[in-house]
């Protein structure tokens, strides 16, 4: 189950992971990096956001959804 954006946990994020699932084949590695960067830069807008506890803080895990892709597509020039 996804968590809500949490400023406290955000301050302790040490790792960032992007889960692509069914969208893996739709984008090449360069596009995936660019999209992941945009998603993690605006993590509060991500549709599926989770925080996993690590030894040093938290790992932010964002699962890419169709809604995320549409939102990012709309923001492209």
N, C-alpha and C. Protein backbone atom coordinates (compact mmCIF):
# COMPACT_ATOMS: atom_id res chain seq x y z
N UNK A 1 0.84 -1.19 0.00
CA UNK A 1 0.00 0.00 0.00
C UNK A 1 0.88 1.24 0.00
N UNK A 2 0.54 2.21 -0.82
CA UNK A 2 1.34 3.42 -0.95
C UNK A 2 1.18 4.32 0.27
N UNK A 3 2.23 5.01 0.58
CA UNK A 3 2.22 5.97 1.68
C UNK A 3 1.94 7.36 1.14
N UNK A 4 1.50 8.24 2.00
CA UNK A 4 1.37 9.64 1.63
C UNK A 4 2.74 10.30 1.71
N UNK A 5 2.92 11.38 1.00
CA UNK A 5 4.15 12.15 1.05
C UNK A 5 4.38 12.57 2.50
N UNK A 6 5.60 12.39 2.98
CA UNK A 6 5.92 12.67 4.38
C UNK A 6 7.20 13.51 4.45
N UNK A 7 7.09 14.79 4.80
CA UNK A 7 8.26 15.66 4.86
C UNK A 7 9.33 15.15 5.83
N UNK A 8 8.92 14.53 6.92
CA UNK A 8 9.90 13.99 7.88
C UNK A 8 10.74 12.89 7.22
N UNK A 9 10.06 11.94 6.59
CA UNK A 9 10.78 10.85 5.93
C UNK A 9 11.60 11.38 4.76
N UNK A 10 11.06 12.38 4.04
CA UNK A 10 11.78 12.96 2.91
C UNK A 10 13.15 13.49 3.34
N UNK A 11 13.20 14.08 4.52
CA UNK A 11 14.46 14.62 5.02
C UNK A 11 15.47 13.51 5.29
N UNK A 12 15.00 12.28 5.41
CA UNK A 12 15.87 11.15 5.73
C UNK A 12 16.04 10.18 4.55
N UNK A 13 15.59 10.57 3.36
CA UNK A 13 15.73 9.70 2.18
C UNK A 13 17.20 9.62 1.78
N UNK A 14 17.70 8.40 1.73
CA UNK A 14 19.09 8.16 1.36
C UNK A 14 19.20 7.43 0.02
N UNK A 15 18.12 6.78 -0.39
CA UNK A 15 18.10 6.03 -1.65
C UNK A 15 16.80 6.33 -2.38
N UNK A 16 16.86 6.22 -3.72
CA UNK A 16 15.67 6.43 -4.55
C UNK A 16 15.57 5.28 -5.53
N UNK A 17 14.39 4.68 -5.61
CA UNK A 17 14.15 3.56 -6.52
C UNK A 17 12.90 3.87 -7.34
N UNK A 18 12.96 3.54 -8.62
CA UNK A 18 11.81 3.71 -9.50
C UNK A 18 11.42 2.33 -10.03
N UNK A 19 10.17 1.95 -9.82
CA UNK A 19 9.65 0.67 -10.29
C UNK A 19 8.84 0.94 -11.55
N UNK A 20 9.23 0.29 -12.65
CA UNK A 20 8.61 0.56 -13.94
C UNK A 20 7.48 -0.39 -14.30
N UNK A 21 7.52 -1.61 -13.84
CA UNK A 21 6.46 -2.57 -14.13
C UNK A 21 6.18 -2.70 -15.62
N UNK A 22 4.94 -2.52 -16.00
CA UNK A 22 4.50 -2.72 -17.38
C UNK A 22 5.04 -1.67 -18.35
N UNK A 23 5.61 -0.59 -17.86
CA UNK A 23 6.08 0.49 -18.72
C UNK A 23 7.54 0.34 -19.14
N UNK A 24 8.22 -0.70 -18.68
CA UNK A 24 9.64 -0.88 -18.93
C UNK A 24 9.98 -0.84 -20.42
N UNK A 25 9.22 -1.53 -21.23
CA UNK A 25 9.55 -1.66 -22.66
C UNK A 25 9.15 -0.43 -23.48
N UNK A 26 8.36 0.45 -22.91
CA UNK A 26 7.88 1.62 -23.66
C UNK A 26 8.92 2.74 -23.75
N UNK A 27 9.93 2.70 -22.87
CA UNK A 27 10.90 3.78 -22.82
C UNK A 27 12.31 3.21 -22.81
N UNK A 28 13.23 3.86 -23.53
CA UNK A 28 14.62 3.42 -23.47
C UNK A 28 15.24 3.90 -22.16
N UNK A 29 16.47 3.49 -21.90
CA UNK A 29 17.09 3.77 -20.60
C UNK A 29 17.27 5.27 -20.35
N UNK A 30 17.56 6.03 -21.39
CA UNK A 30 17.73 7.49 -21.23
C UNK A 30 16.41 8.13 -20.84
N UNK A 31 15.33 7.74 -21.52
CA UNK A 31 14.01 8.28 -21.19
C UNK A 31 13.59 7.87 -19.78
N UNK A 32 13.91 6.63 -19.40
CA UNK A 32 13.56 6.17 -18.05
C UNK A 32 14.28 7.01 -17.00
N UNK A 33 15.55 7.31 -17.24
CA UNK A 33 16.30 8.16 -16.29
C UNK A 33 15.69 9.54 -16.17
N UNK A 34 15.31 10.13 -17.30
CA UNK A 34 14.73 11.47 -17.30
C UNK A 34 13.39 11.48 -16.57
N UNK A 35 12.56 10.49 -16.83
CA UNK A 35 11.25 10.41 -16.18
C UNK A 35 11.42 10.16 -14.68
N UNK A 36 12.33 9.25 -14.33
CA UNK A 36 12.57 8.96 -12.91
C UNK A 36 13.05 10.21 -12.18
N UNK A 37 13.93 10.98 -12.80
CA UNK A 37 14.41 12.21 -12.18
C UNK A 37 13.25 13.17 -11.93
N UNK A 38 12.37 13.33 -12.91
CA UNK A 38 11.21 14.20 -12.74
C UNK A 38 10.29 13.70 -11.64
N UNK A 39 10.07 12.39 -11.59
CA UNK A 39 9.19 11.83 -10.56
C UNK A 39 9.77 12.05 -9.17
N UNK A 40 11.06 11.82 -9.00
CA UNK A 40 11.67 11.96 -7.68
C UNK A 40 11.87 13.41 -7.28
N UNK A 41 11.99 14.29 -8.27
CA UNK A 41 12.11 15.72 -7.97
C UNK A 41 10.81 16.27 -7.40
N UNK A 42 9.69 15.74 -7.88
CA UNK A 42 8.37 16.16 -7.40
C UNK A 42 7.67 14.96 -6.77
N UNK A 43 8.31 14.35 -5.81
CA UNK A 43 7.79 13.12 -5.19
C UNK A 43 6.41 13.32 -4.57
N UNK A 44 6.11 14.52 -4.14
CA UNK A 44 4.80 14.78 -3.52
C UNK A 44 3.65 14.60 -4.51
N UNK A 45 3.95 14.63 -5.82
CA UNK A 45 2.92 14.46 -6.84
C UNK A 45 2.80 13.02 -7.34
N UNK A 46 3.68 12.14 -6.94
CA UNK A 46 3.68 10.76 -7.42
C UNK A 46 2.42 10.04 -6.95
N UNK A 47 1.87 9.23 -7.85
CA UNK A 47 0.64 8.49 -7.52
C UNK A 47 0.90 7.34 -6.55
N UNK A 48 2.01 6.64 -6.73
CA UNK A 48 2.34 5.50 -5.86
C UNK A 48 3.71 5.72 -5.26
N UNK A 49 3.72 6.15 -4.02
CA UNK A 49 4.94 6.49 -3.29
C UNK A 49 5.01 5.66 -2.02
N UNK A 50 6.16 5.07 -1.78
CA UNK A 50 6.37 4.30 -0.56
C UNK A 50 7.71 4.69 0.04
N UNK A 51 7.82 4.55 1.34
CA UNK A 51 9.09 4.74 2.04
C UNK A 51 9.45 3.42 2.69
N UNK A 52 10.64 2.95 2.40
CA UNK A 52 11.13 1.72 3.03
C UNK A 52 12.25 2.10 3.99
N UNK A 53 12.17 1.57 5.18
CA UNK A 53 13.18 1.85 6.21
C UNK A 53 14.47 1.15 5.85
N UNK A 54 15.59 1.86 5.95
CA UNK A 54 16.91 1.26 5.76
C UNK A 54 17.72 1.51 7.02
N UNK A 55 18.94 1.01 7.05
CA UNK A 55 19.79 1.21 8.23
C UNK A 55 20.17 2.67 8.42
N UNK A 56 20.23 3.41 7.32
CA UNK A 56 20.70 4.80 7.39
C UNK A 56 19.61 5.84 7.24
N UNK A 57 18.38 5.43 6.99
CA UNK A 57 17.29 6.38 6.79
C UNK A 57 16.13 5.71 6.08
N UNK A 58 15.75 6.27 4.94
CA UNK A 58 14.65 5.72 4.16
C UNK A 58 15.03 5.62 2.69
N UNK A 59 14.37 4.69 2.01
CA UNK A 59 14.47 4.55 0.57
C UNK A 59 13.11 4.97 0.02
N UNK A 60 13.11 5.97 -0.89
CA UNK A 60 11.86 6.39 -1.52
C UNK A 60 11.65 5.52 -2.75
N UNK A 61 10.50 4.85 -2.80
CA UNK A 61 10.17 3.97 -3.93
C UNK A 61 8.95 4.56 -4.63
N UNK A 62 9.12 4.90 -5.91
CA UNK A 62 8.02 5.40 -6.70
C UNK A 62 7.73 4.38 -7.80
N UNK A 63 6.48 3.95 -7.86
CA UNK A 63 6.04 3.04 -8.92
C UNK A 63 5.39 3.89 -10.00
N UNK A 64 5.89 3.78 -11.21
CA UNK A 64 5.40 4.57 -12.33
C UNK A 64 3.99 4.12 -12.69
N UNK A 65 3.09 5.09 -12.83
CA UNK A 65 1.71 4.80 -13.22
C UNK A 65 1.37 5.57 -14.50
N UNK A 66 0.27 5.19 -15.11
CA UNK A 66 -0.20 5.90 -16.30
C UNK A 66 -0.48 7.36 -15.98
N UNK A 67 -1.05 7.62 -14.81
CA UNK A 67 -1.35 9.00 -14.41
C UNK A 67 -0.07 9.83 -14.29
N UNK A 68 0.99 9.24 -13.74
CA UNK A 68 2.27 9.95 -13.65
C UNK A 68 2.78 10.30 -15.03
N UNK A 69 2.72 9.35 -15.94
CA UNK A 69 3.22 9.59 -17.30
C UNK A 69 2.41 10.66 -18.00
N UNK A 70 1.10 10.65 -17.83
CA UNK A 70 0.26 11.68 -18.44
C UNK A 70 0.57 13.06 -17.86
N UNK A 71 0.77 13.11 -16.55
CA UNK A 71 1.09 14.39 -15.90
C UNK A 71 2.41 14.93 -16.41
N UNK A 72 3.41 14.07 -16.55
CA UNK A 72 4.72 14.52 -17.03
C UNK A 72 4.66 14.88 -18.51
N UNK A 73 3.87 14.17 -19.27
CA UNK A 73 3.72 14.47 -20.69
C UNK A 73 3.12 15.87 -20.85
N UNK A 74 2.18 16.20 -20.02
CA UNK A 74 1.52 17.50 -20.09
C UNK A 74 2.49 18.63 -19.76
N UNK A 75 3.52 18.33 -18.97
CA UNK A 75 4.45 19.38 -18.56
C UNK A 75 5.62 19.54 -19.54
N UNK A 76 5.68 18.68 -20.56
CA UNK A 76 6.75 18.80 -21.55
C UNK A 76 6.50 20.00 -22.45
N UNK A 77 7.57 20.72 -22.83
CA UNK A 77 7.40 21.89 -23.70
C UNK A 77 6.97 21.50 -25.09
